[in-house]
């Protein structure tokens, strides 16, 4: 359970960092840079802690896949980015890929 919590917080940190990167590119607010640096640093640190408990292939698939899906949804919500049926399809395929790795791949 501890590894999954580390992974959840790693994903959250990565989403905050990536969203802050977008804020910086749009508004040139230097506070955003602090969130980018701290977010990515904490994300990688937490991911490394999660890897003590969760297999690499599973942890990275979840971290990258859910991070990508959440960042896409954040872009739609905060920045009014377009969201088409192709976005839905792409995110669905990411989630399906993560699910396949979790269900069908041996854990060790």
N, C-alpha and C. Protein backbone atom coordinates (compact mmCIF):
# COMPACT_ATOMS: atom_id res chain seq x y z
N UNK A 1 0.81 -1.19 0.00
CA UNK A 1 0.00 0.00 0.00
C UNK A 1 0.86 1.26 0.00
N UNK A 2 1.98 1.21 0.71
CA UNK A 2 2.86 2.36 0.80
C UNK A 2 3.37 2.77 -0.59
N UNK A 3 3.74 1.79 -1.41
CA UNK A 3 4.23 2.08 -2.75
C UNK A 3 3.19 2.78 -3.62
N UNK A 4 1.94 2.36 -3.48
CA UNK A 4 0.87 2.97 -4.28
C UNK A 4 0.62 4.41 -3.85
N UNK A 5 0.77 4.70 -2.57
CA UNK A 5 0.63 6.09 -2.11
C UNK A 5 1.76 6.96 -2.64
N UNK A 6 2.99 6.42 -2.61
CA UNK A 6 4.11 7.16 -3.20
C UNK A 6 3.83 7.44 -4.67
N UNK A 7 3.31 6.44 -5.37
CA UNK A 7 3.03 6.59 -6.80
C UNK A 7 1.93 7.63 -7.02
N UNK A 8 0.89 7.62 -6.22
CA UNK A 8 -0.19 8.60 -6.34
C UNK A 8 0.34 10.02 -6.15
N UNK A 9 1.17 10.21 -5.14
CA UNK A 9 1.73 11.54 -4.90
C UNK A 9 2.74 11.93 -5.99
N UNK A 10 3.44 10.97 -6.55
CA UNK A 10 4.36 11.25 -7.66
C UNK A 10 3.59 11.75 -8.88
N UNK A 11 2.46 11.12 -9.16
CA UNK A 11 1.63 11.53 -10.29
C UNK A 11 1.08 12.94 -10.03
N UNK A 12 0.60 13.18 -8.84
CA UNK A 12 0.07 14.49 -8.49
C UNK A 12 1.13 15.57 -8.65
N UNK A 13 2.33 15.30 -8.19
CA UNK A 13 3.44 16.26 -8.30
C UNK A 13 3.78 16.54 -9.75
N UNK A 14 3.76 15.50 -10.57
CA UNK A 14 4.07 15.67 -12.00
C UNK A 14 3.01 16.50 -12.69
N UNK A 15 1.76 16.30 -12.35
CA UNK A 15 0.67 17.08 -12.95
C UNK A 15 0.78 18.55 -12.53
N UNK A 16 1.08 18.80 -11.26
CA UNK A 16 1.27 20.17 -10.79
C UNK A 16 2.43 20.83 -11.52
N UNK A 17 3.54 20.11 -11.67
CA UNK A 17 4.71 20.67 -12.35
C UNK A 17 4.41 20.99 -13.81
N UNK A 18 3.77 20.09 -14.50
CA UNK A 18 3.48 20.31 -15.92
C UNK A 18 2.48 21.44 -16.09
N UNK A 19 1.49 21.50 -15.24
CA UNK A 19 0.52 22.59 -15.29
C UNK A 19 1.20 23.92 -15.00
N UNK A 20 2.12 23.94 -14.05
CA UNK A 20 2.87 25.15 -13.74
C UNK A 20 3.73 25.59 -14.91
N UNK A 21 4.26 24.63 -15.65
CA UNK A 21 5.04 24.95 -16.85
C UNK A 21 4.19 25.70 -17.86
N UNK A 22 2.96 25.27 -18.02
CA UNK A 22 2.03 25.96 -18.93
C UNK A 22 1.72 27.36 -18.41
N UNK A 23 1.49 27.50 -17.10
CA UNK A 23 1.26 28.82 -16.52
C UNK A 23 2.44 29.74 -16.80
N UNK A 24 3.65 29.22 -16.63
CA UNK A 24 4.83 30.05 -16.88
C UNK A 24 4.91 30.46 -18.34
N UNK A 25 4.64 29.54 -19.25
CA UNK A 25 4.75 29.87 -20.67
C UNK A 25 3.71 30.91 -21.10
N UNK A 26 2.59 30.94 -20.41
CA UNK A 26 1.52 31.89 -20.77
C UNK A 26 1.66 33.23 -20.04
N UNK A 27 2.05 33.19 -18.78
CA UNK A 27 1.99 34.40 -17.96
C UNK A 27 3.36 34.89 -17.48
N UNK A 28 4.40 34.14 -17.70
CA UNK A 28 5.77 34.48 -17.28
C UNK A 28 5.84 34.86 -15.80
N UNK A 29 5.12 34.10 -15.00
CA UNK A 29 5.11 34.27 -13.57
C UNK A 29 6.21 33.39 -12.99
N UNK A 30 7.21 34.00 -12.36
CA UNK A 30 8.36 33.24 -11.88
C UNK A 30 8.03 32.32 -10.72
N UNK A 31 6.93 32.56 -10.05
CA UNK A 31 6.50 31.65 -9.00
C UNK A 31 6.21 30.27 -9.62
N UNK A 32 5.73 30.29 -10.85
CA UNK A 32 5.46 29.03 -11.55
C UNK A 32 6.71 28.19 -11.70
N UNK A 33 7.85 28.85 -11.90
CA UNK A 33 9.12 28.12 -12.05
C UNK A 33 9.43 27.32 -10.79
N UNK A 34 9.14 27.90 -9.64
CA UNK A 34 9.37 27.20 -8.38
C UNK A 34 8.51 25.93 -8.32
N UNK A 35 7.24 26.06 -8.74
CA UNK A 35 6.36 24.89 -8.75
C UNK A 35 6.83 23.85 -9.77
N UNK A 36 7.37 24.30 -10.90
CA UNK A 36 7.89 23.36 -11.90
C UNK A 36 9.05 22.56 -11.32
N UNK A 37 10.02 23.25 -10.78
CA UNK A 37 11.22 22.60 -10.26
C UNK A 37 10.88 21.69 -9.07
N UNK A 38 10.14 22.22 -8.11
CA UNK A 38 9.78 21.41 -6.95
C UNK A 38 8.86 20.26 -7.32
N UNK A 39 7.95 20.50 -8.26
CA UNK A 39 7.02 19.46 -8.68
C UNK A 39 7.72 18.29 -9.34
N UNK A 40 8.60 18.59 -10.30
CA UNK A 40 9.32 17.50 -10.97
C UNK A 40 10.30 16.81 -10.02
N UNK A 41 10.98 17.59 -9.18
CA UNK A 41 11.93 16.98 -8.23
C UNK A 41 11.19 16.04 -7.27
N UNK A 42 10.06 16.50 -6.74
CA UNK A 42 9.33 15.63 -5.82
C UNK A 42 8.70 14.45 -6.56
N UNK A 43 8.28 14.66 -7.79
CA UNK A 43 7.69 13.56 -8.56
C UNK A 43 8.71 12.44 -8.78
N UNK A 44 9.90 12.80 -9.21
CA UNK A 44 10.92 11.77 -9.43
C UNK A 44 11.36 11.12 -8.12
N UNK A 45 11.45 11.91 -7.07
CA UNK A 45 11.82 11.35 -5.77
C UNK A 45 10.76 10.36 -5.27
N UNK A 46 9.50 10.76 -5.38
CA UNK A 46 8.42 9.87 -4.95
C UNK A 46 8.31 8.64 -5.84
N UNK A 47 8.54 8.82 -7.14
CA UNK A 47 8.52 7.67 -8.05
C UNK A 47 9.62 6.68 -7.66
N UNK A 48 10.79 7.18 -7.32
CA UNK A 48 11.87 6.27 -6.93
C UNK A 48 11.52 5.52 -5.64
N UNK A 49 10.82 6.17 -4.73
CA UNK A 49 10.39 5.49 -3.50
C UNK A 49 9.32 4.44 -3.83
N UNK A 50 8.43 4.75 -4.76
CA UNK A 50 7.39 3.79 -5.16
C UNK A 50 8.02 2.55 -5.77
N UNK A 51 9.14 2.71 -6.47
CA UNK A 51 9.77 1.58 -7.14
C UNK A 51 10.34 0.54 -6.17
N UNK A 52 10.44 0.89 -4.90
CA UNK A 52 10.85 -0.09 -3.90
C UNK A 52 9.75 -1.12 -3.65
N UNK A 53 8.52 -0.75 -3.97
CA UNK A 53 7.36 -1.59 -3.67
C UNK A 53 6.59 -2.05 -4.90
N UNK A 54 6.65 -1.26 -5.98
CA UNK A 54 5.86 -1.54 -7.18
C UNK A 54 6.83 -1.85 -8.32
N UNK A 55 6.58 -2.90 -9.11
CA UNK A 55 7.47 -3.21 -10.23
C UNK A 55 7.60 -2.03 -11.21
N UNK A 56 8.78 -1.88 -11.78
CA UNK A 56 9.09 -0.76 -12.67
C UNK A 56 8.09 -0.63 -13.81
N UNK A 57 7.79 -1.73 -14.50
CA UNK A 57 6.91 -1.64 -15.67
C UNK A 57 5.52 -1.15 -15.28
N UNK A 58 5.04 -1.58 -14.15
CA UNK A 58 3.72 -1.17 -13.68
C UNK A 58 3.76 0.28 -13.22
N UNK A 59 4.72 0.61 -12.39
CA UNK A 59 4.81 1.97 -11.82
C UNK A 59 4.98 3.01 -12.92
N UNK A 60 5.86 2.75 -13.87
CA UNK A 60 6.10 3.74 -14.91
C UNK A 60 4.89 3.88 -15.83
N UNK A 61 4.25 2.78 -16.15
CA UNK A 61 3.05 2.85 -17.00
C UNK A 61 1.96 3.67 -16.33
N UNK A 62 1.76 3.45 -15.05
CA UNK A 62 0.73 4.21 -14.33
C UNK A 62 1.14 5.67 -14.20
N UNK A 63 2.39 5.92 -13.84
CA UNK A 63 2.88 7.29 -13.67
C UNK A 63 2.76 8.08 -14.97
N UNK A 64 3.25 7.52 -16.05
CA UNK A 64 3.23 8.22 -17.33
C UNK A 64 1.81 8.29 -17.90
N UNK A 65 1.10 7.19 -17.85
CA UNK A 65 -0.23 7.13 -18.46
C UNK A 65 -1.24 8.01 -17.75
N UNK A 66 -1.35 7.85 -16.44
CA UNK A 66 -2.31 8.66 -15.70
C UNK A 66 -1.88 10.12 -15.65
N UNK A 67 -0.58 10.34 -15.58
CA UNK A 67 -0.09 11.72 -15.63
C UNK A 67 -0.48 12.39 -16.93
N UNK A 68 -0.31 11.69 -18.04
CA UNK A 68 -0.68 12.24 -19.35
C UNK A 68 -2.18 12.51 -19.42
N UNK A 69 -2.98 11.56 -18.97
CA UNK A 69 -4.44 11.74 -19.01
C UNK A 69 -4.87 12.91 -18.13
N UNK A 70 -4.31 13.01 -16.93
CA UNK A 70 -4.68 14.10 -16.03
C UNK A 70 -4.23 15.46 -16.54
N UNK A 71 -3.05 15.51 -17.14
CA UNK A 71 -2.58 16.78 -17.72
C UNK A 71 -3.47 17.19 -18.88
N UNK A 72 -3.89 16.24 -19.69
CA UNK A 72 -4.80 16.56 -20.80
C UNK A 72 -6.12 17.12 -20.26
N UNK A 73 -6.64 16.50 -19.23
CA UNK A 73 -7.89 16.98 -18.64
C UNK A 73 -7.71 18.35 -17.98
N UNK A 74 -6.55 18.57 -17.37
CA UNK A 74 -6.25 19.86 -16.76
C UNK A 74 -6.17 20.95 -17.83
N UNK A 75 -5.59 20.62 -18.98
CA UNK A 75 -5.52 21.58 -20.08
C UNK A 75 -6.90 21.99 -20.56
N UNK A 76 -7.79 21.05 -20.64
CA UNK A 76 -9.17 21.35 -21.05
C UNK A 76 -9.85 22.21 -19.99
N UNK A 77 -9.68 21.85 -18.73
CA UNK A 77 -10.37 22.53 -17.65
C UNK A 77 -9.82 23.94 -17.38
N UNK A 78 -8.49 24.07 -17.25
CA UNK A 78 -7.90 25.35 -16.88
C UNK A 78 -7.63 26.27 -18.07
N UNK A 79 -7.23 25.69 -19.19
CA UNK A 79 -6.77 26.51 -20.31
C UNK A 79 -7.71 26.47 -21.51
N UNK A 80 -8.85 25.83 -21.33
CA UNK A 80 -9.88 25.76 -22.39
C UNK A 80 -9.32 25.20 -23.69
N UNK A 81 -8.42 24.22 -23.57
CA UNK A 81 -7.87 23.57 -24.75
C UNK A 81 -8.94 22.67 -25.37
N UNK A 82 -8.85 22.44 -26.66
CA UNK A 82 -9.89 21.61 -27.31
C UNK A 82 -9.85 20.17 -26.80
N UNK A 83 -11.02 19.56 -26.83
CA UNK A 83 -11.14 18.17 -26.39
C UNK A 83 -12.10 17.48 -27.35
N UNK A 84 -11.52 16.70 -28.25
CA UNK A 84 -12.31 16.06 -29.31
C UNK A 84 -12.44 14.57 -29.04
N UNK A 85 -13.13 13.91 -29.92
CA UNK A 85 -13.27 12.46 -29.80
C UNK A 85 -11.91 11.77 -29.93
N UNK A 86 -10.96 12.39 -30.62
CA UNK A 86 -9.62 11.81 -30.73
C UNK A 86 -8.87 11.90 -29.41
N UNK A 87 -9.09 12.97 -28.68
CA UNK A 87 -8.50 13.07 -27.34
C UNK A 87 -9.07 11.98 -26.43
N UNK A 88 -10.38 11.80 -26.51
CA UNK A 88 -11.03 10.77 -25.70
C UNK A 88 -10.49 9.39 -26.08
N UNK A 89 -10.35 9.13 -27.37
CA UNK A 89 -9.81 7.86 -27.83
C UNK A 89 -8.38 7.65 -27.32
N UNK A 90 -7.55 8.67 -27.46
CA UNK A 90 -6.16 8.56 -27.01
C UNK A 90 -6.04 8.30 -25.53
N UNK A 91 -6.80 9.04 -24.73
CA UNK A 91 -6.77 8.84 -23.29
C UNK A 91 -7.32 7.46 -22.95
N UNK A 92 -8.36 7.04 -23.64
CA UNK A 92 -8.91 5.69 -23.42
C UNK A 92 -7.90 4.61 -23.72
N UNK A 93 -7.12 4.79 -24.78
CA UNK A 93 -6.08 3.80 -25.12
C UNK A 93 -4.98 3.78 -24.07
N UNK A 94 -4.63 4.95 -23.54
CA UNK A 94 -3.63 4.99 -22.47
C UNK A 94 -4.12 4.23 -21.25
N UNK A 95 -5.34 4.52 -20.84
CA UNK A 95 -5.91 3.85 -19.67
C UNK A 95 -6.01 2.34 -19.92
N UNK A 96 -6.41 1.96 -21.13
CA UNK A 96 -6.50 0.54 -21.47
C UNK A 96 -5.13 -0.13 -21.40
N UNK A 97 -4.11 0.55 -21.89
CA UNK A 97 -2.75 0.01 -21.83
C UNK A 97 -2.28 -0.20 -20.41
N UNK A 98 -2.53 0.77 -19.56
CA UNK A 98 -2.16 0.64 -18.15
C UNK A 98 -2.92 -0.52 -17.51
N UNK A 99 -4.20 -0.64 -17.83
CA UNK A 99 -5.01 -1.73 -17.28
C UNK A 99 -4.48 -3.09 -17.73
N UNK A 100 -4.13 -3.20 -18.99
CA UNK A 100 -3.59 -4.47 -19.51
C UNK A 100 -2.30 -4.83 -18.77
N UNK A 101 -1.42 -3.86 -18.59
CA UNK A 101 -0.17 -4.14 -17.87
C UNK A 101 -0.45 -4.58 -16.44
N UNK A 102 -1.42 -3.97 -15.80
CA UNK A 102 -1.72 -4.32 -14.41
C UNK A 102 -2.41 -5.67 -14.28
N UNK A 103 -3.26 -6.00 -15.22
CA UNK A 103 -4.03 -7.24 -15.11
C UNK A 103 -3.29 -8.44 -15.69
N UNK A 104 -2.66 -8.25 -16.83
CA UNK A 104 -2.08 -9.39 -17.53
C UNK A 104 -0.58 -9.61 -17.30
N UNK A 105 0.13 -8.56 -16.94
CA UNK A 105 1.58 -8.72 -16.74
C UNK A 105 1.84 -9.33 -15.37
N UNK A 106 2.78 -10.28 -15.31
CA UNK A 106 3.14 -10.82 -13.99
C UNK A 106 3.77 -9.71 -13.13
N UNK A 107 3.46 -9.73 -11.86
CA UNK A 107 3.95 -8.65 -10.98
C UNK A 107 5.41 -8.80 -10.60
N UNK A 108 5.98 -9.98 -10.77
CA UNK A 108 7.40 -10.15 -10.41
C UNK A 108 8.10 -11.00 -11.44
